[in-house]
Amino acid sequence: MQNLEQQVRNLIEIGIALSAEKDLAKILEMIVDEARTFTRADAGTLYLLKDDKLHFEIMQNDSMHVRMGGTSGNTITLPPVELKPENVSAHVALTGDIVNIPDVYD
């Protein structure tokens, strides 16, 4: 019960912080960061759907020491991802399914 209470408090604090921020890149970076914290993930990637393609925006990966986006200002450019179901990111965008990959190297 205490864990659930703490999670609700964290979500409220995140909402307050997001509503105060005006820079979209920083907002997106905060969302990825908090989603990673909430799910205890080592990495997170954000794609935006534009023109029926997924456009890479933000990646965070602690084990690879990669952190880019709104707060760091570093940009990584990747080609857009076609919406083909065999691609994990496209599958999620098309179906809304949650995908957990415990070990991306396996």
PDB file of N, CA and C in Angstrom:
ATOM      1  N   MET A   1       0.824  -1.196   0.000  1.00  0.00           N
ATOM      2  CA  MET A   1       0.000   0.000   0.000  1.00  0.00           C
ATOM      3  C   MET A   1       0.873   1.267   0.000  1.00  0.00           C
ATOM      4  N   GLN A   2       1.975   1.237   0.777  1.00  0.00           N
ATOM      5  CA  GLN A   2       2.870   2.385   0.816  1.00  0.00           C
ATOM      6  C   GLN A   2       3.528   2.609  -0.539  1.00  0.00           C
ATOM      7  N   ASN A   3       3.860   1.518  -1.224  1.00  0.00           N
ATOM      8  CA  ASN A   3       4.468   1.618  -2.547  1.00  0.00           C
ATOM      9  C   ASN A   3       3.500   2.287  -3.526  1.00  0.00           C
ATOM     10  N   LEU A   4       2.243   1.903  -3.468  1.00  0.00           N
ATOM     11  CA  LEU A   4       1.226   2.504  -4.335  1.00  0.00           C
ATOM     12  C   LEU A   4       1.057   3.986  -4.026  1.00  0.00           C
ATOM     13  N   GLU A   5       1.045   4.335  -2.736  1.00  0.00           N
ATOM     14  CA  GLU A   5       0.950   5.741  -2.328  1.00  0.00           C
ATOM     15  C   GLU A   5       2.111   6.551  -2.883  1.00  0.00           C
ATOM     16  N   GLN A   6       3.314   5.996  -2.786  1.00  0.00           N
ATOM     17  CA  GLN A   6       4.500   6.691  -3.281  1.00  0.00           C
ATOM     18  C   GLN A   6       4.422   6.866  -4.796  1.00  0.00           C
ATOM     19  N   GLN A   7       3.941   5.859  -5.499  1.00  0.00           N
ATOM     20  CA  GLN A   7       3.799   5.966  -6.955  1.00  0.00           C
ATOM     21  C   GLN A   7       2.809   7.061  -7.328  1.00  0.00           C
ATOM     22  N   VAL A   8       1.717   7.161  -6.611  1.00  0.00           N
ATOM     23  CA  VAL A   8       0.724   8.214  -6.872  1.00  0.00           C
ATOM     24  C   VAL A   8       1.337   9.586  -6.604  1.00  0.00           C
ATOM     25  N   ARG A   9       2.083   9.716  -5.504  1.00  0.00           N
ATOM     26  CA  ARG A   9       2.755  10.994  -5.211  1.00  0.00           C
ATOM     27  C   ARG A   9       3.735  11.357  -6.331  1.00  0.00           C
ATOM     28  N   ASN A  10       4.496  10.369  -6.792  1.00  0.00           N
ATOM     29  CA  ASN A  10       5.445  10.613  -7.884  1.00  0.00           C
ATOM     30  C   ASN A  10       4.728  11.067  -9.145  1.00  0.00           C
ATOM     31  N   LEU A  11       3.618  10.441  -9.474  1.00  0.00           N
ATOM     32  CA  LEU A  11       2.852  10.833 -10.667  1.00  0.00           C
ATOM     33  C   LEU A  11       2.324  12.263 -10.548  1.00  0.00           C
ATOM     34  N   ILE A  12       1.898  12.643  -9.365  1.00  0.00           N
ATOM     35  CA  ILE A  12       1.429  14.018  -9.137  1.00  0.00           C
ATOM     36  C   ILE A  12       2.573  15.007  -9.332  1.00  0.00           C
ATOM     37  N   GLU A  13       3.732  14.689  -8.763  1.00  0.00           N
ATOM     38  CA  GLU A  13       4.901  15.560  -8.921  1.00  0.00           C
ATOM     39  C   GLU A  13       5.325  15.671 -10.386  1.00  0.00           C
ATOM     40  N   ILE A  14       5.264  14.560 -11.105  1.00  0.00           N
ATOM     41  CA  ILE A  14       5.598  14.564 -12.536  1.00  0.00           C
ATOM     42  C   ILE A  14       4.623  15.456 -13.295  1.00  0.00           C
ATOM     43  N   GLY A  15       3.344  15.330 -12.992  1.00  0.00           N
ATOM     44  CA  GLY A  15       2.334  16.159 -13.645  1.00  0.00           C
ATOM     45  C   GLY A  15       2.569  17.638 -13.408  1.00  0.00           C
ATOM     46  N   ILE A  16       2.923  18.001 -12.198  1.00  0.00           N
ATOM     47  CA  ILE A  16       3.213  19.401 -11.869  1.00  0.00           C
ATOM     48  C   ILE A  16       4.426  19.889 -12.652  1.00  0.00           C
ATOM     49  N   ALA A  17       5.484  19.073 -12.669  1.00  0.00           N
ATOM     50  CA  ALA A  17       6.703  19.453 -13.397  1.00  0.00           C
ATOM     51  C   ALA A  17       6.433  19.584 -14.886  1.00  0.00           C
ATOM     52  N   LEU A  18       5.670  18.654 -15.445  1.00  0.00           N
ATOM     53  CA  LEU A  18       5.362  18.710 -16.878  1.00  0.00           C
ATOM     54  C   LEU A  18       4.525  19.938 -17.229  1.00  0.00           C
ATOM     55  N   SER A  19       3.581  20.274 -16.374  1.00  0.00           N
ATOM     56  CA  SER A  19       2.722  21.415 -16.671  1.00  0.00           C
ATOM     57  C   SER A  19       3.474  22.739 -16.574  1.00  0.00           C
ATOM     58  N   ALA A  20       4.576  22.770 -15.825  1.00  0.00           N
ATOM     59  CA  ALA A  20       5.360  23.996 -15.680  1.00  0.00           C
ATOM     60  C   ALA A  20       6.355  24.192 -16.823  1.00  0.00           C
ATOM     61  N   GLU A  21       6.723  23.104 -17.496  1.00  0.00           N
ATOM     62  CA  GLU A  21       7.741  23.176 -18.557  1.00  0.00           C
ATOM     63  C   GLU A  21       7.103  23.625 -19.878  1.00  0.00           C
ATOM     64  N   LYS A  22       7.788  24.498 -20.587  1.00  0.00           N
ATOM     65  CA  LYS A  22       7.285  25.022 -21.866  1.00  0.00           C
ATOM     66  C   LYS A  22       8.007  24.438 -23.081  1.00  0.00           C
ATOM     67  N   ASP A  23       9.206  23.904 -22.882  1.00  0.00           N
ATOM     68  CA  ASP A  23      10.017  23.384 -23.972  1.00  0.00           C
ATOM     69  C   ASP A  23       9.602  21.931 -24.260  1.00  0.00           C
ATOM     70  N   LEU A  24       9.077  21.664 -25.475  1.00  0.00           N
ATOM     71  CA  LEU A  24       8.589  20.332 -25.825  1.00  0.00           C
ATOM     72  C   LEU A  24       9.678  19.273 -25.706  1.00  0.00           C
ATOM     73  N   ALA A  25      10.891  19.565 -26.141  1.00  0.00           N
ATOM     74  CA  ALA A  25      11.982  18.596 -26.060  1.00  0.00           C
ATOM     75  C   ALA A  25      12.254  18.201 -24.611  1.00  0.00           C
ATOM     76  N   LYS A  26      12.232  19.161 -23.712  1.00  0.00           N
ATOM     77  CA  LYS A  26      12.452  18.864 -22.296  1.00  0.00           C
ATOM     78  C   LYS A  26      11.290  18.051 -21.717  1.00  0.00           C
ATOM     79  N   ILE A  27      10.073  18.354 -22.142  1.00  0.00           N
ATOM     80  CA  ILE A  27       8.909  17.594 -21.687  1.00  0.00           C
ATOM     81  C   ILE A  27       9.028  16.132 -22.120  1.00  0.00           C
ATOM     82  N   LEU A  28       9.387  15.914 -23.388  1.00  0.00           N
ATOM     83  CA  LEU A  28       9.517  14.552 -23.895  1.00  0.00           C
ATOM     84  C   LEU A  28      10.625  13.799 -23.167  1.00  0.00           C
ATOM     85  N   GLU A  29      11.739  14.477 -22.909  1.00  0.00           N
ATOM     86  CA  GLU A  29      12.847  13.874 -22.171  1.00  0.00           C
ATOM     87  C   GLU A  29      12.391  13.484 -20.763  1.00  0.00           C
ATOM     88  N   MET A  30      11.629  14.354 -20.106  1.00  0.00           N
ATOM     89  CA  MET A  30      11.128  14.061 -18.765  1.00  0.00           C
ATOM     90  C   MET A  30      10.188  12.856 -18.784  1.00  0.00           C
ATOM     91  N   ILE A  31       9.348  12.766 -19.802  1.00  0.00           N
ATOM     92  CA  ILE A  31       8.408  11.645 -19.903  1.00  0.00           C
ATOM     93  C   ILE A  31       9.164  10.330 -20.039  1.00  0.00           C
ATOM     94  N   VAL A  32      10.166  10.304 -20.927  1.00  0.00           N
ATOM     95  CA  VAL A  32      10.954   9.077 -21.091  1.00  0.00           C
ATOM     96  C   VAL A  32      11.679   8.742 -19.795  1.00  0.00           C
ATOM     97  N   ASP A  33      12.261   9.735 -19.164  1.00  0.00           N
ATOM     98  CA  ASP A  33      12.990   9.522 -17.918  1.00  0.00           C
ATOM     99  C   ASP A  33      12.087   8.947 -16.838  1.00  0.00           C
ATOM    100  N   GLU A  34      10.929   9.534 -16.660  1.00  0.00           N
ATOM    101  CA  GLU A  34      10.009   9.068 -15.613  1.00  0.00           C
ATOM    102  C   GLU A  34       9.415   7.704 -15.956  1.00  0.00           C
ATOM    103  N   ALA A  35       9.155   7.454 -17.229  1.00  0.00           N
ATOM    104  CA  ALA A  35       8.647   6.140 -17.631  1.00  0.00           C
ATOM    105  C   ALA A  35       9.690   5.061 -17.337  1.00  0.00           C
ATOM    106  N   ARG A  36      10.950   5.378 -17.594  1.00  0.00           N
ATOM    107  CA  ARG A  36      12.027   4.433 -17.294  1.00  0.00           C
ATOM    108  C   ARG A  36      12.113   4.172 -15.795  1.00  0.00           C
ATOM    109  N   THR A  37      12.037   5.227 -15.014  1.00  0.00           N
ATOM    110  CA  THR A  37      12.099   5.079 -13.561  1.00  0.00           C
ATOM    111  C   THR A  37      10.924   4.241 -13.065  1.00  0.00           C
ATOM    112  N   PHE A  38       9.735   4.560 -13.544  1.00  0.00           N
ATOM    113  CA  PHE A  38       8.517   3.886 -13.111  1.00  0.00           C
ATOM    114  C   PHE A  38       8.544   2.400 -13.445  1.00  0.00           C
ATOM    115  N   THR A  39       9.099   2.044 -14.607  1.00  0.00           N
ATOM    116  CA  THR A  39       9.121   0.648 -15.048  1.00  0.00           C
ATOM    117  C   THR A  39      10.432  -0.055 -14.710  1.00  0.00           C
ATOM    118  N   ARG A  40      11.364   0.691 -14.116  1.00  0.00           N
ATOM    119  CA  ARG A  40      12.689   0.168 -13.764  1.00  0.00           C
ATOM    120  C   ARG A  40      13.444  -0.327 -15.000  1.00  0.00           C
ATOM    121  N   ALA A  41      13.262   0.357 -16.100  1.00  0.00           N
ATOM    122  CA  ALA A  41      13.926  -0.012 -17.356  1.00  0.00           C
ATOM    123  C   ALA A  41      15.308   0.624 -17.429  1.00  0.00           C
ATOM    124  N   ASP A  42      16.223  -0.058 -18.085  1.00  0.00           N
ATOM    125  CA  ASP A  42      17.560   0.468 -18.296  1.00  0.00           C
ATOM    126  C   ASP A  42      17.592   1.484 -19.429  1.00  0.00           C
ATOM    127  N   ALA A  43      16.622   1.370 -20.334  1.00  0.00           N
ATOM    128  CA  ALA A  43      16.650   2.220 -21.521  1.00  0.00           C
ATOM    129  C   ALA A  43      15.236   2.578 -21.936  1.00  0.00           C
ATOM    130  N   GLY A  44      15.141   3.626 -22.712  1.00  0.00           N
ATOM    131  CA  GLY A  44      13.855   4.038 -23.262  1.00  0.00           C
ATOM    132  C   GLY A  44      14.072   4.816 -24.548  1.00  0.00           C
ATOM    133  N   THR A  45      13.171   4.660 -25.467  1.00  0.00           N
ATOM    134  CA  THR A  45      13.249   5.358 -26.741  1.00  0.00           C
ATOM    135  C   THR A  45      11.888   5.953 -27.048  1.00  0.00           C
ATOM    136  N   LEU A  46      11.890   7.123 -27.613  1.00  0.00           N
ATOM    137  CA  LEU A  46      10.637   7.780 -27.970  1.00  0.00           C
ATOM    138  C   LEU A  46      10.626   8.051 -29.469  1.00  0.00           C
ATOM    139  N   TYR A  47       9.573   7.603 -30.102  1.00  0.00           N
ATOM    140  CA  TYR A  47       9.331   7.896 -31.512  1.00  0.00           C
ATOM    141  C   TYR A  47       8.039   8.682 -31.599  1.00  0.00           C
ATOM    142  N   LEU A  48       7.966   9.598 -32.550  1.00  0.00           N
ATOM    143  CA  LEU A  48       6.732  10.320 -32.815  1.00  0.00           C
ATOM    144  C   LEU A  48       6.187   9.872 -34.165  1.00  0.00           C
ATOM    145  N   LEU A  49       4.884   9.666 -34.234  1.00  0.00           N
ATOM    146  CA  LEU A  49       4.244   9.237 -35.469  1.00  0.00           C
ATOM    147  C   LEU A  49       3.909  10.461 -36.312  1.00  0.00           C
ATOM    148  N   LYS A  50       4.553  10.545 -37.485  1.00  0.00           N
ATOM    149  CA  LYS A  50       4.309  11.641 -38.427  1.00  0.00           C
ATOM    150  C   LYS A  50       4.335  11.054 -39.832  1.00  0.00           C
ATOM    151  N   ASP A  51       3.370  11.421 -40.645  1.00  0.00           N
ATOM    152  CA  ASP A  51       3.340  10.983 -42.044  1.00  0.00           C
ATOM    153  C   ASP A  51       3.432   9.465 -42.172  1.00  0.00           C
ATOM    154  N   ASP A  52       2.713   8.736 -41.319  1.00  0.00           N
ATOM    155  CA  ASP A  52       2.682   7.271 -41.344  1.00  0.00           C
ATOM    156  C   ASP A  52       4.055   6.625 -41.170  1.00  0.00           C
ATOM    157  N   LYS A  53       4.953   7.315 -40.483  1.00  0.00           N
ATOM    158  CA  LYS A  53       6.272   6.765 -40.147  1.00  0.00           C
ATOM    159  C   LYS A  53       6.602   7.169 -38.715  1.00  0.00           C
ATOM    160  N   LEU A  54       7.436   6.358 -38.083  1.00  0.00           N
ATOM    161  CA  LEU A  54       7.891   6.684 -36.738  1.00  0.00           C
ATOM    162  C   LEU A  54       9.211   7.430 -36.836  1.00  0.00           C
ATOM    163  N   HIS A  55       9.223   8.618 -36.270  1.00  0.00           N
ATOM    164  CA  HIS A  55      10.424   9.458 -36.303  1.00  0.00           C
ATOM    165  C   HIS A  55      11.069   9.434 -34.928  1.00  0.00           C
ATOM    166  N   PHE A  56      12.330   9.027 -34.893  1.00  0.00           N
ATOM    167  CA  PHE A  56      13.119   8.910 -33.677  1.00  0.00           C
ATOM    168  C   PHE A  56      13.299  10.280 -33.039  1.00  0.00           C
ATOM    169  N   GLU A  57      13.071  10.368 -31.746  1.00  0.00           N
ATOM    170  CA  GLU A  57      13.229  11.646 -31.046  1.00  0.00           C
ATOM    171  C   GLU A  57      14.217  11.565 -29.886  1.00  0.00           C
ATOM    172  N   ILE A  58      14.031  10.595 -29.009  1.00  0.00           N
ATOM    173  CA  ILE A  58      14.829  10.560 -27.779  1.00  0.00           C
ATOM    174  C   ILE A  58      15.228   9.124 -27.458  1.00  0.00           C
ATOM    175  N   MET A  59      16.460   8.953 -26.991  1.00  0.00           N
ATOM    176  CA  MET A  59      16.891   7.660 -26.478  1.00  0.00           C
ATOM    177  C   MET A  59      17.657   7.891 -25.181  1.00  0.00           C
ATOM    178  N   GLN A  60      17.420   7.007 -24.239  1.00  0.00           N
ATOM    179  CA  GLN A  60      18.182   6.999 -22.996  1.00  0.00           C
ATOM    180  C   GLN A  60      18.594   5.564 -22.736  1.00  0.00           C
ATOM    181  N   ASN A  61      19.856   5.344 -22.424  1.00  0.00           N
ATOM    182  CA  ASN A  61      20.335   4.012 -22.110  1.00  0.00           C
ATOM    183  C   ASN A  61      21.483   4.156 -21.117  1.00  0.00           C
ATOM    184  N   ASP A  62      21.202   3.832 -19.873  1.00  0.00           N
ATOM    185  CA  ASP A  62      22.206   4.000 -18.820  1.00  0.00           C
ATOM    186  C   ASP A  62      23.389   3.064 -18.993  1.00  0.00           C
ATOM    187  N   SER A  63      23.138   1.825 -19.417  1.00  0.00           N
ATOM    188  CA  SER A  63      24.249   0.879 -19.538  1.00  0.00           C
ATOM    189  C   SER A  63      25.216   1.278 -20.653  1.00  0.00           C
ATOM    190  N   MET A  64      24.714   1.979 -21.672  1.00  0.00           N
ATOM    191  CA  MET A  64      25.577   2.451 -22.758  1.00  0.00           C
ATOM    192  C   MET A  64      26.010   3.903 -22.555  1.00  0.00           C
ATOM    193  N   HIS A  65      25.574   4.505 -21.441  1.00  0.00           N
ATOM    194  CA  HIS A  65      25.888   5.898 -21.116  1.00  0.00           C
ATOM    195  C   HIS A  65      25.427   6.855 -22.215  1.00  0.00           C
ATOM    196  N   VAL A  66      24.247   6.579 -22.758  1.00  0.00           N
ATOM    197  CA  VAL A  66      23.657   7.439 -23.789  1.00  0.00           C
ATOM    198  C   VAL A  66      22.468   8.150 -23.176  1.00  0.00           C
ATOM    199  N   ARG A  67      22.471   9.447 -23.306  1.00  0.00           N
ATOM    200  CA  ARG A  67      21.349  10.235 -22.813  1.00  0.00           C
ATOM    201  C   ARG A  67      21.264  11.465 -23.699  1.00  0.00           C
ATOM    202  N   MET A  68      20.199  11.557 -24.461  1.00  0.00           N
ATOM    203  CA  MET A  68      20.060  12.707 -25.346  1.00  0.00           C
ATOM    204  C   MET A  68      18.624  13.173 -25.331  1.00  0.00           C
ATOM    205  N   GLY A  69      18.402  14.359 -25.821  1.00  0.00           N
ATOM    206  CA  GLY A  69      17.062  14.917 -25.871  1.00  0.00           C
ATOM    207  C   GLY A  69      17.039  16.306 -25.282  1.00  0.00           C
ATOM    208  N   GLY A  70      15.938  16.607 -24.615  1.00  0.00           N
ATOM    209  CA  GLY A  70      15.700  17.954 -24.133  1.00  0.00           C
ATOM    210  C   GLY A  70      16.720  18.481 -23.149  1.00  0.00           C
ATOM    211  N   THR A  71      17.134  17.695 -22.176  1.00  0.00           N
ATOM    212  CA  THR A  71      18.010  18.238 -21.141  1.00  0.00           C
ATOM    213  C   THR A  71      19.468  18.275 -21.565  1.00  0.00           C
ATOM    214  N   SER A  72      19.903  17.338 -22.407  1.00  0.00           N
ATOM    215  CA  SER A  72      21.313  17.331 -22.804  1.00  0.00           C
ATOM    216  C   SER A  72      21.553  18.097 -24.093  1.00  0.00           C
ATOM    217  N   GLY A  73      20.542  18.159 -24.954  1.00  0.00           N
ATOM    218  CA  GLY A  73      20.682  18.883 -26.209  1.00  0.00           C
ATOM    219  C   GLY A  73      21.397  18.116 -27.300  1.00  0.00           C
ATOM    220  N   ASN A  74      21.937  16.940 -26.985  1.00  0.00           N
ATOM    221  CA  ASN A  74      22.595  16.140 -28.015  1.00  0.00           C
ATOM    222  C   ASN A  74      21.549  15.515 -28.925  1.00  0.00           C
ATOM    223  N   THR A  75      21.796  15.530 -30.219  1.00  0.00           N
ATOM    224  CA  THR A  75      20.835  14.923 -31.126  1.00  0.00           C
ATOM    225  C   THR A  75      21.454  13.736 -31.841  1.00  0.00           C
ATOM    226  N   ILE A  76      20.652  12.736 -32.051  1.00  0.00           N
ATOM    227  CA  ILE A  76      21.024  11.570 -32.830  1.00  0.00           C
ATOM    228  C   ILE A  76      19.968  11.467 -33.925  1.00  0.00           C
ATOM    229  N   THR A  77      20.397  11.401 -35.155  1.00  0.00           N
ATOM    230  CA  THR A  77      19.449  11.334 -36.247  1.00  0.00           C
ATOM    231  C   THR A  77      19.411   9.923 -36.813  1.00  0.00           C
ATOM    232  N   LEU A  78      18.240   9.364 -36.895  1.00  0.00           N
ATOM    233  CA  LEU A  78      18.027   8.053 -37.492  1.00  0.00           C
ATOM    234  C   LEU A  78      16.936   8.186 -38.547  1.00  0.00           C
ATOM    235  N   PRO A  79      16.960   7.336 -39.576  1.00  0.00           N
ATOM    236  CA  PRO A  79      15.902   7.405 -40.580  1.00  0.00           C
ATOM    237  C   PRO A  79      14.562   6.995 -39.971  1.00  0.00           C
ATOM    238  N   PRO A  80      13.455   7.507 -40.508  1.00  0.00           N
ATOM    239  CA  PRO A  80      12.142   7.122 -39.987  1.00  0.00           C
ATOM    240  C   PRO A  80      11.915   5.613 -40.122  1.00  0.00           C
ATOM    241  N   VAL A  81      11.102   5.083 -39.237  1.00  0.00           N
ATOM    242  CA  VAL A  81      10.775   3.659 -39.236  1.00  0.00           C
ATOM    243  C   VAL A  81       9.439   3.468 -39.951  1.00  0.00           C
ATOM    244  N   GLU A  82       9.433   2.580 -40.947  1.00  0.00           N
ATOM    245  CA  GLU A  82       8.191   2.234 -41.642  1.00  0.00           C
ATOM    246  C   GLU A  82       7.266   1.496 -40.679  1.00  0.00           C
ATOM    247  N   LEU A  83       5.979   1.680 -40.849  1.00  0.00           N
ATOM    248  CA  LEU A  83       5.003   1.006 -39.994  1.00  0.00           C
ATOM    249  C   LEU A  83       4.782  -0.428 -40.470  1.00  0.00           C
ATOM    250  N   LYS A  84       5.762  -1.285 -40.200  1.00  0.00           N
ATOM    251  CA  LYS A  84       5.688  -2.708 -40.524  1.00  0.00           C
ATOM    252  C   LYS A  84       5.629  -3.477 -39.211  1.00  0.00           C
ATOM    253  N   PRO A  85       4.647  -4.375 -39.068  1.00  0.00           N
ATOM    254  CA  PRO A  85       4.441  -5.062 -37.781  1.00  0.00           C
ATOM    255  C   PRO A  85       5.641  -5.840 -37.262  1.00  0.00           C
ATOM    256  N   GLU A  86       6.582  -6.228 -38.129  1.00  0.00           N
ATOM    257  CA  GLU A  86       7.735  -6.991 -37.650  1.00  0.00           C
ATOM    258  C   GLU A  86       8.736  -6.131 -36.877  1.00  0.00           C
ATOM    259  N   ASN A  87       8.600  -4.823 -36.963  1.00  0.00           N
ATOM    260  CA  ASN A  87       9.440  -3.913 -36.185  1.00  0.00           C
ATOM    261  C   ASN A  87       8.754  -3.681 -34.838  1.00  0.00           C
ATOM    262  N   VAL A  88       9.476  -3.855 -33.747  1.00  0.00           N
ATOM    263  CA  VAL A  88       8.874  -3.753 -32.413  1.00  0.00           C
ATOM    264  C   VAL A  88       8.227  -2.386 -32.204  1.00  0.00           C
ATOM    265  N   SER A  89       8.931  -1.316 -32.530  1.00  0.00           N
ATOM    266  CA  SER A  89       8.376   0.031 -32.333  1.00  0.00           C
ATOM    267  C   SER A  89       7.126   0.237 -33.178  1.00  0.00           C
ATOM    268  N   ALA A  90       7.146  -0.225 -34.414  1.00  0.00           N
ATOM    269  CA  ALA A  90       5.982  -0.096 -35.289  1.00  0.00           C
ATOM    270  C   ALA A  90       4.827  -0.952 -34.774  1.00  0.00           C
ATOM    271  N   HIS A  91       5.138  -2.146 -34.284  1.00  0.00           N
ATOM    272  CA  HIS A  91       4.100  -3.029 -33.725  1.00  0.00           C
ATOM    273  C   HIS A  91       3.367  -2.324 -32.577  1.00  0.00           C
ATOM    274  N   VAL A  92       4.131  -1.695 -31.688  1.00  0.00           N
ATOM    275  CA  VAL A  92       3.532  -0.980 -30.558  1.00  0.00           C
ATOM    276  C   VAL A  92       2.663   0.171 -31.057  1.00  0.00           C
ATOM    277  N   ALA A  93       3.154   0.933 -32.033  1.00  0.00           N
ATOM    278  CA  ALA A  93       2.392   2.058 -32.577  1.00  0.00           C
ATOM    279  C   ALA A  93       1.101   1.585 -33.244  1.00  0.00           C
ATOM    280  N   LEU A  94       1.158   0.459 -33.933  1.00  0.00           N
ATOM    281  CA  LEU A  94      -0.009  -0.046 -34.661  1.00  0.00           C
ATOM    282  C   LEU A  94      -1.040  -0.702 -33.750  1.00  0.00           C
ATOM    283  N   THR A  95      -0.586  -1.386 -32.708  1.00  0.00           N
ATOM    284  CA  THR A  95      -1.504  -2.182 -31.888  1.00  0.00           C
ATOM    285  C   THR A  95      -1.793  -1.581 -30.516  1.00  0.00           C
ATOM    286  N   GLY A  96      -0.877  -0.752 -30.020  1.00  0.00           N
ATOM    287  CA  GLY A  96      -1.023  -0.239 -28.659  1.00  0.00           C
ATOM    288  C   GLY A  96      -0.605  -1.251 -27.609  1.00  0.00           C
ATOM    289  N   ASP A  97      -0.054  -2.398 -28.054  1.00  0.00           N
ATOM    290  CA  ASP A  97       0.411  -3.423 -27.123  1.00  0.00           C
ATOM    291  C   ASP A  97       1.595  -2.918 -26.312  1.00  0.00           C
ATOM    292  N   ILE A  98       1.735  -3.462 -25.119  1.00  0.00           N
ATOM    293  CA  ILE A  98       2.902  -3.207 -24.287  1.00  0.00           C
ATOM    294  C   ILE A  98       3.908  -4.302 -24.584  1.00  0.00           C
ATOM    295  N   VAL A  99       5.153  -3.915 -24.840  1.00  0.00           N
ATOM    296  CA  VAL A  99       6.196  -4.889 -25.127  1.00  0.00           C
ATOM    297  C   VAL A  99       7.317  -4.699 -24.123  1.00  0.00           C
ATOM    298  N   ASN A 100       7.651  -5.764 -23.433  1.00  0.00           N
ATOM    299  CA  ASN A 100       8.754  -5.751 -22.481  1.00  0.00           C
ATOM    300  C   ASN A 100       9.817  -6.694 -23.018  1.00  0.00           C
ATOM    301  N   ILE A 101      11.005  -6.180 -23.227  1.00  0.00           N
ATOM    302  CA  ILE A 101      12.119  -6.990 -23.713  1.00  0.00           C
ATOM    303  C   ILE A 101      13.117  -7.096 -22.558  1.00  0.00           C
ATOM    304  N   PRO A 102      13.091  -8.205 -21.821  1.00  0.00           N
ATOM    305  CA  PRO A 102      13.956  -8.325 -20.637  1.00  0.00           C
ATOM    306  C   PRO A 102      15.440  -8.208 -20.954  1.00  0.00           C
ATOM    307  N   ASP A 103      15.877  -8.754 -22.108  1.00  0.00           N
ATOM    308  CA  ASP A 103      17.288  -8.699 -22.449  1.00  0.00           C
ATOM    309  C   ASP A 103      17.398  -8.495 -23.967  1.00  0.00           C
ATOM    310  N   VAL A 104      17.665  -7.275 -24.399  1.00  0.00           N
ATOM    311  CA  VAL A 104      17.700  -6.980 -25.825  1.00  0.00           C
ATOM    312  C   VAL A 104      18.885  -7.651 -26.518  1.00  0.00           C
ATOM    313  N   TYR A 105      19.871  -8.092 -25.750  1.00  0.00           N
ATOM    314  CA  TYR A 105      21.026  -8.759 -26.343  1.00  0.00           C
ATOM    315  C   TYR A 105      20.778 -10.255 -26.558  1.00  0.00           C
ATOM    316  N   ASP A 106      19.724 -10.792 -25.936  1.00  0.00           N
ATOM    317  CA  ASP A 106      19.430 -12.217 -26.041  1.00  0.00           C
ATOM    318  C   ASP A 106      18.511 -12.492 -27.230  1.00  0.00           C
TER     319      ASP A 106
END
